[in-house]
Amino acid sequence: VSAICAHISYEAYLENKYGTDACNSGRERVSKALAIG
């Protein structure tokens, strides 16, 4: 959720920089990802 809210890049992902903040849009996108998966 925090990675989505922080709009991280692939480079940040490589360095495990996921951010720390939560947001509704992040929760919704993760929920959608789980359902689609």
All heavy atoms as atom14 arrays in JSON, in Angstrom:
{
  "sequence": "VSAICAHISYEAYLENKYGTDACNSGRERVSKALAIG",
  "atom14_mask": [
    [1, 1, 1, 1, 1, 1, 1, 0, 0, 0, 0, 0, 0, 0],
    [1, 1, 1, 1, 1, 1, 0, 0, 0, 0, 0, 0, 0, 0],
    [1, 1, 1, 1, 1, 0, 0, 0, 0, 0, 0, 0, 0, 0],
    [1, 1, 1, 1, 1, 1, 1, 1, 0, 0, 0, 0, 0, 0],
    [1, 1, 1, 1, 1, 1, 0, 0, 0, 0, 0, 0, 0, 0],
    [1, 1, 1, 1, 1, 0, 0, 0, 0, 0, 0, 0, 0, 0],
    [1, 1, 1, 1, 1, 1, 1, 1, 1, 1, 0, 0, 0, 0],
    [1, 1, 1, 1, 1, 1, 1, 1, 0, 0, 0, 0, 0, 0],
    [1, 1, 1, 1, 1, 1, 0, 0, 0, 0, 0, 0, 0, 0],
    [1, 1, 1, 1, 1, 1, 1, 1, 1, 1, 1, 1, 0, 0],
    [1, 1, 1, 1, 1, 1, 1, 1, 1, 0, 0, 0, 0, 0],
    [1, 1, 1, 1, 1, 0, 0, 0, 0, 0, 0, 0, 0, 0],
    [1, 1, 1, 1, 1, 1, 1, 1, 1, 1, 1, 1, 0, 0],
    [1, 1, 1, 1, 1, 1, 1, 1, 0, 0, 0, 0, 0, 0],
    [1, 1, 1, 1, 1, 1, 1, 1, 1, 0, 0, 0, 0, 0],
    [1, 1, 1, 1, 1, 1, 1, 1, 0, 0, 0, 0, 0, 0],
    [1, 1, 1, 1, 1, 1, 1, 1, 1, 0, 0, 0, 0, 0],
    [1, 1, 1, 1, 1, 1, 1, 1, 1, 1, 1, 1, 0, 0],
    [1, 1, 1, 1, 0, 0, 0, 0, 0, 0, 0, 0, 0, 0],
    [1, 1, 1, 1, 1, 1, 1, 0, 0, 0, 0, 0, 0, 0],
    [1, 1, 1, 1, 1, 1, 1, 1, 0, 0, 0, 0, 0, 0],
    [1, 1, 1, 1, 1, 0, 0, 0, 0, 0, 0, 0, 0, 0],
    [1, 1, 1, 1, 1, 1, 0, 0, 0, 0, 0, 0, 0, 0],
    [1, 1, 1, 1, 1, 1, 1, 1, 0, 0, 0, 0, 0, 0],
    [1, 1, 1, 1, 1, 1, 0, 0, 0, 0, 0, 0, 0, 0],
    [1, 1, 1, 1, 0, 0, 0, 0, 0, 0, 0, 0, 0, 0],
    [1, 1, 1, 1, 1, 1, 1, 1, 1, 1, 1, 0, 0, 0],
    [1, 1, 1, 1, 1, 1, 1, 1, 1, 0, 0, 0, 0, 0],
    [1, 1, 1, 1, 1, 1, 1, 1, 1, 1, 1, 0, 0, 0],
    [1, 1, 1, 1, 1, 1, 1, 0, 0, 0, 0, 0, 0, 0],
    [1, 1, 1, 1, 1, 1, 0, 0, 0, 0, 0, 0, 0, 0],
    [1, 1, 1, 1, 1, 1, 1, 1, 1, 0, 0, 0, 0, 0],
    [1, 1, 1, 1, 1, 0, 0, 0, 0, 0, 0, 0, 0, 0],
    [1, 1, 1, 1, 1, 1, 1, 1, 0, 0, 0, 0, 0, 0],
    [1, 1, 1, 1, 1, 0, 0, 0, 0, 0, 0, 0, 0, 0],
    [1, 1, 1, 1, 1, 1, 1, 1, 0, 0, 0, 0, 0, 0],
    [1, 1, 1, 1, 0, 0, 0, 0, 0, 0, 0, 0, 0, 0]
  ],
  "atom14_positions": [
    [[0.83, -1.2, 0.0], [0.0, 0.0, 0.0], [0.87, 1.25, 0.0], [0.65, 2.18, -0.79], [-0.96, 0.0, 1.21], [-1.64, 1.37, 1.34], [-2.0, -1.1, 1.07], [0.0, 0.0, 0.0], [0.0, 0.0, 0.0], [0.0, 0.0, 0.0], [0.0, 0.0, 0.0], [0.0, 0.0, 0.0], [0.0, 0.0, 0.0], [0.0, 0.0, 0.0]],
    [[1.86, 1.29, 0.87], [2.7, 2.5, 0.97], [3.53, 2.7, -0.3], [3.79, 3.85, -0.69], [3.62, 2.41, 2.19], [4.5, 1.31, 2.1], [0.0, 0.0, 0.0], [0.0, 0.0, 0.0], [0.0, 0.0, 0.0], [0.0, 0.0, 0.0], [0.0, 0.0, 0.0], [0.0, 0.0, 0.0], [0.0, 0.0, 0.0], [0.0, 0.0, 0.0]],
    [[3.93, 1.62, -0.95], [4.69, 1.76, -2.2], [3.84, 2.45, -3.26], [4.34, 3.31, -4.01], [5.13, 0.39, -2.7], [0.0, 0.0, 0.0], [0.0, 0.0, 0.0], [0.0, 0.0, 0.0], [0.0, 0.0, 0.0], [0.0, 0.0, 0.0], [0.0, 0.0, 0.0], [0.0, 0.0, 0.0], [0.0, 0.0, 0.0], [0.0, 0.0, 0.0]],
    [[2.57, 2.08, -3.32], [1.66, 2.7, -4.29], [1.41, 4.16, -3.93], [1.43, 5.05, -4.79], [0.34, 1.91, -4.36], [0.61, 0.52, -4.95], [-0.7, 2.66, -5.19], [-0.54, -0.44, -4.81], [0.0, 0.0, 0.0], [0.0, 0.0, 0.0], [0.0, 0.0, 0.0], [0.0, 0.0, 0.0], [0.0, 0.0, 0.0], [0.0, 0.0, 0.0]],
    [[1.21, 4.41, -2.66], [0.94, 5.79, -2.21], [2.14, 6.71, -2.45], [1.97, 7.9, -2.72], [0.57, 5.79, -0.73], [-0.96, 4.9, -0.35], [0.0, 0.0, 0.0], [0.0, 0.0, 0.0], [0.0, 0.0, 0.0], [0.0, 0.0, 0.0], [0.0, 0.0, 0.0], [0.0, 0.0, 0.0], [0.0, 0.0, 0.0], [0.0, 0.0, 0.0]],
    [[3.35, 6.13, -2.35], [4.57, 6.92, -2.54], [4.96, 7.03, -4.01], [5.94, 7.72, -4.34], [5.71, 6.3, -1.75], [0.0, 0.0, 0.0], [0.0, 0.0, 0.0], [0.0, 0.0, 0.0], [0.0, 0.0, 0.0], [0.0, 0.0, 0.0], [0.0, 0.0, 0.0], [0.0, 0.0, 0.0], [0.0, 0.0, 0.0], [0.0, 0.0, 0.0]],
    [[4.22, 6.35, -4.9], [4.53, 6.38, -6.34], [5.98, 6.0, -6.59], [6.71, 6.7, -7.32], [4.24, 7.77, -6.92], [2.84, 8.24, -6.69], [1.75, 7.72, -7.38], [2.34, 9.17, -5.83], [0.65, 8.33, -6.96], [0.97, 9.2, -6.03], [0.0, 0.0, 0.0], [0.0, 0.0, 0.0], [0.0, 0.0, 0.0], [0.0, 0.0, 0.0]],
    [[6.42, 4.89, -5.99], [7.82, 4.52, -6.12], [8.16, 4.08, -7.55], [7.28, 3.67, -8.31], [8.22, 3.41, -5.12], [7.59, 2.07, -5.5], [7.87, 3.81, -3.7], [8.15, 0.89, -4.71], [0.0, 0.0, 0.0], [0.0, 0.0, 0.0], [0.0, 0.0, 0.0], [0.0, 0.0, 0.0], [0.0, 0.0, 0.0], [0.0, 0.0, 0.0]],
    [[9.41, 4.14, -7.88], [9.91, 3.7, -9.18], [10.47, 2.29, -9.04], [10.59, 1.75, -7.94], [11.03, 4.63, -9.66], [12.14, 4.54, -8.75], [0.0, 0.0, 0.0], [0.0, 0.0, 0.0], [0.0, 0.0, 0.0], [0.0, 0.0, 0.0], [0.0, 0.0, 0.0], [0.0, 0.0, 0.0], [0.0, 0.0, 0.0], [0.0, 0.0, 0.0]],
    [[10.84, 1.7, -10.17], [11.45, 0.36, -10.11], [12.8, 0.43, -9.39], [13.17, -0.51, -8.67], [11.64, -0.2, -11.52], [11.79, -1.7, -11.53], [10.68, -2.53, -11.71], [13.04, -2.32, -11.35], [10.81, -3.92, -11.7], [13.17, -3.7, -11.34], [12.05, -4.5, -11.51], [12.19, -5.87, -11.49], [0.0, 0.0, 0.0], [0.0, 0.0, 0.0]],
    [[13.51, 1.53, -9.55], [14.79, 1.69, -8.85], [14.58, 1.68, -7.33], [15.36, 1.08, -6.59], [15.48, 2.99, -9.29], [15.94, 2.99, -10.73], [16.96, 1.9, -11.04], [17.73, 1.54, -10.13], [16.97, 1.4, -12.17], [0.0, 0.0, 0.0], [0.0, 0.0, 0.0], [0.0, 0.0, 0.0], [0.0, 0.0, 0.0], [0.0, 0.0, 0.0]],
    [[13.54, 2.37, -6.87], [13.23, 2.36, -5.44], [12.84, 0.97, -4.98], [13.19, 0.53, -3.88], [12.1, 3.36, -5.15], [0.0, 0.0, 0.0], [0.0, 0.0, 0.0], [0.0, 0.0, 0.0], [0.0, 0.0, 0.0], [0.0, 0.0, 0.0], [0.0, 0.0, 0.0], [0.0, 0.0, 0.0], [0.0, 0.0, 0.0], [0.0, 0.0, 0.0]],
    [[12.13, 0.27, -5.83], [11.75, -1.12, -5.53], [12.99, -1.99, -5.37], [13.07, -2.83, -4.45], [10.85, -1.62, -6.66], [10.51, -3.09, -6.61], [9.92, -3.68, -5.49], [10.78, -3.91, -7.72], [9.61, -5.04, -5.48], [10.45, -5.25, -7.72], [9.87, -5.81, -6.59], [9.56, -7.15, -6.58], [0.0, 0.0, 0.0], [0.0, 0.0, 0.0]],
    [[13.98, -1.8, -6.23], [15.22, -2.56, -6.12], [15.91, -2.32, -4.78], [16.57, -3.2, -4.23], [16.17, -2.2, -7.26], [15.8, -2.7, -8.66], [16.78, -2.15, -9.69], [15.78, -4.22, -8.71], [0.0, 0.0, 0.0], [0.0, 0.0, 0.0], [0.0, 0.0, 0.0], [0.0, 0.0, 0.0], [0.0, 0.0, 0.0], [0.0, 0.0, 0.0]],
    [[15.75, -1.13, -4.25], [16.41, -0.76, -2.99], [15.5, -0.93, -1.77], [15.84, -0.51, -0.67], [16.89, 0.7, -3.08], [17.93, 0.92, -4.18], [18.31, 2.37, -4.36], [17.85, 3.21, -3.53], [19.04, 2.69, -5.31], [0.0, 0.0, 0.0], [0.0, 0.0, 0.0], [0.0, 0.0, 0.0], [0.0, 0.0, 0.0], [0.0, 0.0, 0.0]],
    [[14.33, -1.55, -2.0], [13.36, -1.8, -0.91], [12.88, -0.51, -0.24], [12.58, -0.49, 0.95], [13.94, -2.74, 0.15], [14.19, -4.13, -0.41], [13.46, -4.61, -1.27], [15.23, -4.79, 0.08], [0.0, 0.0, 0.0], [0.0, 0.0, 0.0], [0.0, 0.0, 0.0], [0.0, 0.0, 0.0], [0.0, 0.0, 0.0], [0.0, 0.0, 0.0]],
    [[12.77, 0.55, -1.03], [12.26, 1.82, -0.5], [10.76, 1.9, -0.81], [10.35, 2.43, -1.84], [13.01, 2.99, -1.13], [14.48, 3.02, -0.75], [15.2, 4.19, -1.42], [16.67, 4.24, -1.01], [17.4, 5.37, -1.67], [0.0, 0.0, 0.0], [0.0, 0.0, 0.0], [0.0, 0.0, 0.0], [0.0, 0.0, 0.0], [0.0, 0.0, 0.0]],
    [[9.96, 1.34, 0.11], [8.52, 1.22, -0.14], [7.72, 2.41, 0.38], [6.51, 2.48, 0.15], [7.99, -0.05, 0.53], [8.53, -1.31, -0.1], [9.47, -2.09, 0.57], [8.11, -1.71, -1.36], [9.97, -3.25, -0.01], [8.61, -2.87, -1.95], [9.53, -3.63, -1.27], [10.02, -4.78, -1.84], [0.0, 0.0, 0.0], [0.0, 0.0, 0.0]],
    [[8.36, 3.32, 1.07], [7.61, 4.43, 1.65], [7.02, 4.02, 2.99], [7.16, 2.88, 3.44], [0.0, 0.0, 0.0], [0.0, 0.0, 0.0], [0.0, 0.0, 0.0], [0.0, 0.0, 0.0], [0.0, 0.0, 0.0], [0.0, 0.0, 0.0], [0.0, 0.0, 0.0], [0.0, 0.0, 0.0], [0.0, 0.0, 0.0], [0.0, 0.0, 0.0]],
    [[6.33, 4.95, 3.62], [5.79, 4.68, 4.97], [4.33, 5.1, 5.12], [3.7, 4.74, 6.12], [6.62, 5.43, 6.02], [6.64, 6.84, 5.72], [8.05, 4.91, 6.07], [0.0, 0.0, 0.0], [0.0, 0.0, 0.0], [0.0, 0.0, 0.0], [0.0, 0.0, 0.0], [0.0, 0.0, 0.0], [0.0, 0.0, 0.0], [0.0, 0.0, 0.0]],
    [[3.79, 5.83, 4.18], [2.43, 6.36, 4.33], [1.4, 5.44, 3.67], [1.67, 4.77, 2.67], [2.32, 7.76, 3.72], [3.21, 8.76, 4.44], [3.43, 8.58, 5.66], [3.69, 9.7, 3.79], [0.0, 0.0, 0.0], [0.0, 0.0, 0.0], [0.0, 0.0, 0.0], [0.0, 0.0, 0.0], [0.0, 0.0, 0.0], [0.0, 0.0, 0.0]],
    [[0.21, 5.44, 4.24], [-0.91, 4.68, 3.67], [-1.93, 5.66, 3.1], [-2.01, 6.82, 3.51], [-1.57, 3.82, 4.75], [0.0, 0.0, 0.0], [0.0, 0.0, 0.0], [0.0, 0.0, 0.0], [0.0, 0.0, 0.0], [0.0, 0.0, 0.0], [0.0, 0.0, 0.0], [0.0, 0.0, 0.0], [0.0, 0.0, 0.0], [0.0, 0.0, 0.0]],
    [[-2.71, 5.21, 2.12], [-3.74, 6.05, 1.53], [-4.84, 5.14, 0.98], [-4.62, 3.95, 0.71], [-3.17, 6.93, 0.42], [-2.43, 6.03, -0.96], [0.0, 0.0, 0.0], [0.0, 0.0, 0.0], [0.0, 0.0, 0.0], [0.0, 0.0, 0.0], [0.0, 0.0, 0.0], [0.0, 0.0, 0.0], [0.0, 0.0, 0.0], [0.0, 0.0, 0.0]],
    [[-6.01, 5.7, 0.82], [-7.14, 4.9, 0.34], [-6.92, 4.36, -1.07], [-7.28, 3.23, -1.39], [-8.42, 5.73, 0.38], [-8.92, 5.97, 1.79], [-8.64, 5.17, 2.69], [-9.64, 7.06, 2.01], [0.0, 0.0, 0.0], [0.0, 0.0, 0.0], [0.0, 0.0, 0.0], [0.0, 0.0, 0.0], [0.0, 0.0, 0.0], [0.0, 0.0, 0.0]],
    [[-6.3, 5.18, -1.92], [-6.07, 4.73, -3.3], [-5.11, 3.53, -3.33], [-5.26, 2.63, -4.15], [-5.52, 5.87, -4.16], [-4.29, 6.34, -3.64], [0.0, 0.0, 0.0], [0.0, 0.0, 0.0], [0.0, 0.0, 0.0], [0.0, 0.0, 0.0], [0.0, 0.0, 0.0], [0.0, 0.0, 0.0], [0.0, 0.0, 0.0], [0.0, 0.0, 0.0]],
    [[-4.15, 3.52, -2.4], [-3.23, 2.4, -2.32], [-3.94, 1.13, -1.86], [-3.71, 0.05, -2.42], [0.0, 0.0, 0.0], [0.0, 0.0, 0.0], [0.0, 0.0, 0.0], [0.0, 0.0, 0.0], [0.0, 0.0, 0.0], [0.0, 0.0, 0.0], [0.0, 0.0, 0.0], [0.0, 0.0, 0.0], [0.0, 0.0, 0.0], [0.0, 0.0, 0.0]],
    [[-4.78, 1.27, -0.86], [-5.54, 0.11, -0.37], [-6.45, -0.43, -1.47], [-6.57, -1.64, -1.65], [-6.37, 0.5, 0.85], [-5.54, 0.93, 2.07], [-6.43, 1.13, 3.29], [-5.7, 1.72, 4.4], [-5.65, 3.02, 4.66], [-6.31, 3.88, 3.88], [-4.94, 3.47, 5.68], [0.0, 0.0, 0.0], [0.0, 0.0, 0.0], [0.0, 0.0, 0.0]],
    [[-7.1, 0.47, -2.2], [-8.01, 0.04, -3.26], [-7.26, -0.68, -4.37], [-7.74, -1.69, -4.91], [-8.75, 1.26, -3.83], [-9.75, 1.87, -2.85], [-10.33, 3.18, -3.34], [-9.93, 3.62, -4.45], [-11.15, 3.78, -2.62], [0.0, 0.0, 0.0], [0.0, 0.0, 0.0], [0.0, 0.0, 0.0], [0.0, 0.0, 0.0], [0.0, 0.0, 0.0]],
    [[-6.07, -0.19, -4.71], [-5.32, -0.82, -5.8], [-4.81, -2.2, -5.39], [-4.81, -3.12, -6.2], [-4.15, 0.06, -6.23], [-3.51, -0.42, -7.52], [-2.54, 0.6, -8.09], [-3.2, 1.85, -8.44], [-2.61, 2.87, -9.04], [-1.33, 2.78, -9.38], [-3.26, 3.98, -9.31], [0.0, 0.0, 0.0], [0.0, 0.0, 0.0], [0.0, 0.0, 0.0]],
    [[-4.39, -2.34, -4.15], [-3.95, -3.65, -3.67], [-5.12, -4.62, -3.64], [-4.99, -5.78, -4.04], [-3.3, -3.54, -2.28], [-3.09, -4.93, -1.66], [-1.96, -2.82, -2.37], [0.0, 0.0, 0.0], [0.0, 0.0, 0.0], [0.0, 0.0, 0.0], [0.0, 0.0, 0.0], [0.0, 0.0, 0.0], [0.0, 0.0, 0.0], [0.0, 0.0, 0.0]],
    [[-6.27, -4.16, -3.19], [-7.46, -5.02, -3.17], [-7.83, -5.47, -4.58], [-8.17, -6.63, -4.82], [-8.65, -4.29, -2.54], [-8.42, -4.04, -1.17], [0.0, 0.0, 0.0], [0.0, 0.0, 0.0], [0.0, 0.0, 0.0], [0.0, 0.0, 0.0], [0.0, 0.0, 0.0], [0.0, 0.0, 0.0], [0.0, 0.0, 0.0], [0.0, 0.0, 0.0]],
    [[-7.73, -4.54, -5.52], [-8.03, -4.88, -6.92], [-7.02, -5.88, -7.45], [-7.37, -6.83, -8.16], [-8.03, -3.62, -7.77], [-8.29, -3.88, -9.26], [-8.43, -2.58, -10.04], [-9.75, -1.9, -9.75], [-9.99, -0.74, -10.66], [0.0, 0.0, 0.0], [0.0, 0.0, 0.0], [0.0, 0.0, 0.0], [0.0, 0.0, 0.0], [0.0, 0.0, 0.0]],
    [[-5.74, -5.68, -7.1], [-4.69, -6.59, -7.56], [-4.92, -8.0, -7.03], [-4.76, -8.99, -7.75], [-3.32, -6.08, -7.1], [0.0, 0.0, 0.0], [0.0, 0.0, 0.0], [0.0, 0.0, 0.0], [0.0, 0.0, 0.0], [0.0, 0.0, 0.0], [0.0, 0.0, 0.0], [0.0, 0.0, 0.0], [0.0, 0.0, 0.0], [0.0, 0.0, 0.0]],
    [[-5.3, -8.12, -5.76], [-5.55, -9.43, -5.18], [-6.73, -10.12, -5.85], [-6.68, -11.32, -6.14], [-5.81, -9.29, -3.67], [-4.6, -8.86, -2.83], [-5.04, -8.56, -1.39], [-3.53, -9.94, -2.84], [0.0, 0.0, 0.0], [0.0, 0.0, 0.0], [0.0, 0.0, 0.0], [0.0, 0.0, 0.0], [0.0, 0.0, 0.0], [0.0, 0.0, 0.0]],
    [[-7.78, -9.36, -6.12], [-8.97, -9.94, -6.76], [-8.66, -10.39, -8.19], [-9.04, -11.49, -8.61], [-10.1, -8.92, -6.76], [0.0, 0.0, 0.0], [0.0, 0.0, 0.0], [0.0, 0.0, 0.0], [0.0, 0.0, 0.0], [0.0, 0.0, 0.0], [0.0, 0.0, 0.0], [0.0, 0.0, 0.0], [0.0, 0.0, 0.0], [0.0, 0.0, 0.0]],
    [[-7.95, -9.55, -8.94], [-7.62, -9.89, -10.32], [-6.66, -11.08, -10.36], [-6.82, -12.0, -11.17], [-7.0, -8.68, -11.04], [-8.07, -7.61, -11.28], [-6.37, -9.09, -12.36], [-7.53, -6.32, -11.84], [0.0, 0.0, 0.0], [0.0, 0.0, 0.0], [0.0, 0.0, 0.0], [0.0, 0.0, 0.0], [0.0, 0.0, 0.0], [0.0, 0.0, 0.0]],
    [[-5.67, -11.06, -9.47], [-4.73, -12.17, -9.42], [-5.42, -13.5, -9.15], [-5.14, -14.5, -9.82], [0.0, 0.0, 0.0], [0.0, 0.0, 0.0], [0.0, 0.0, 0.0], [0.0, 0.0, 0.0], [0.0, 0.0, 0.0], [0.0, 0.0, 0.0], [0.0, 0.0, 0.0], [0.0, 0.0, 0.0], [0.0, 0.0, 0.0], [0.0, 0.0, 0.0]]
  ]
}
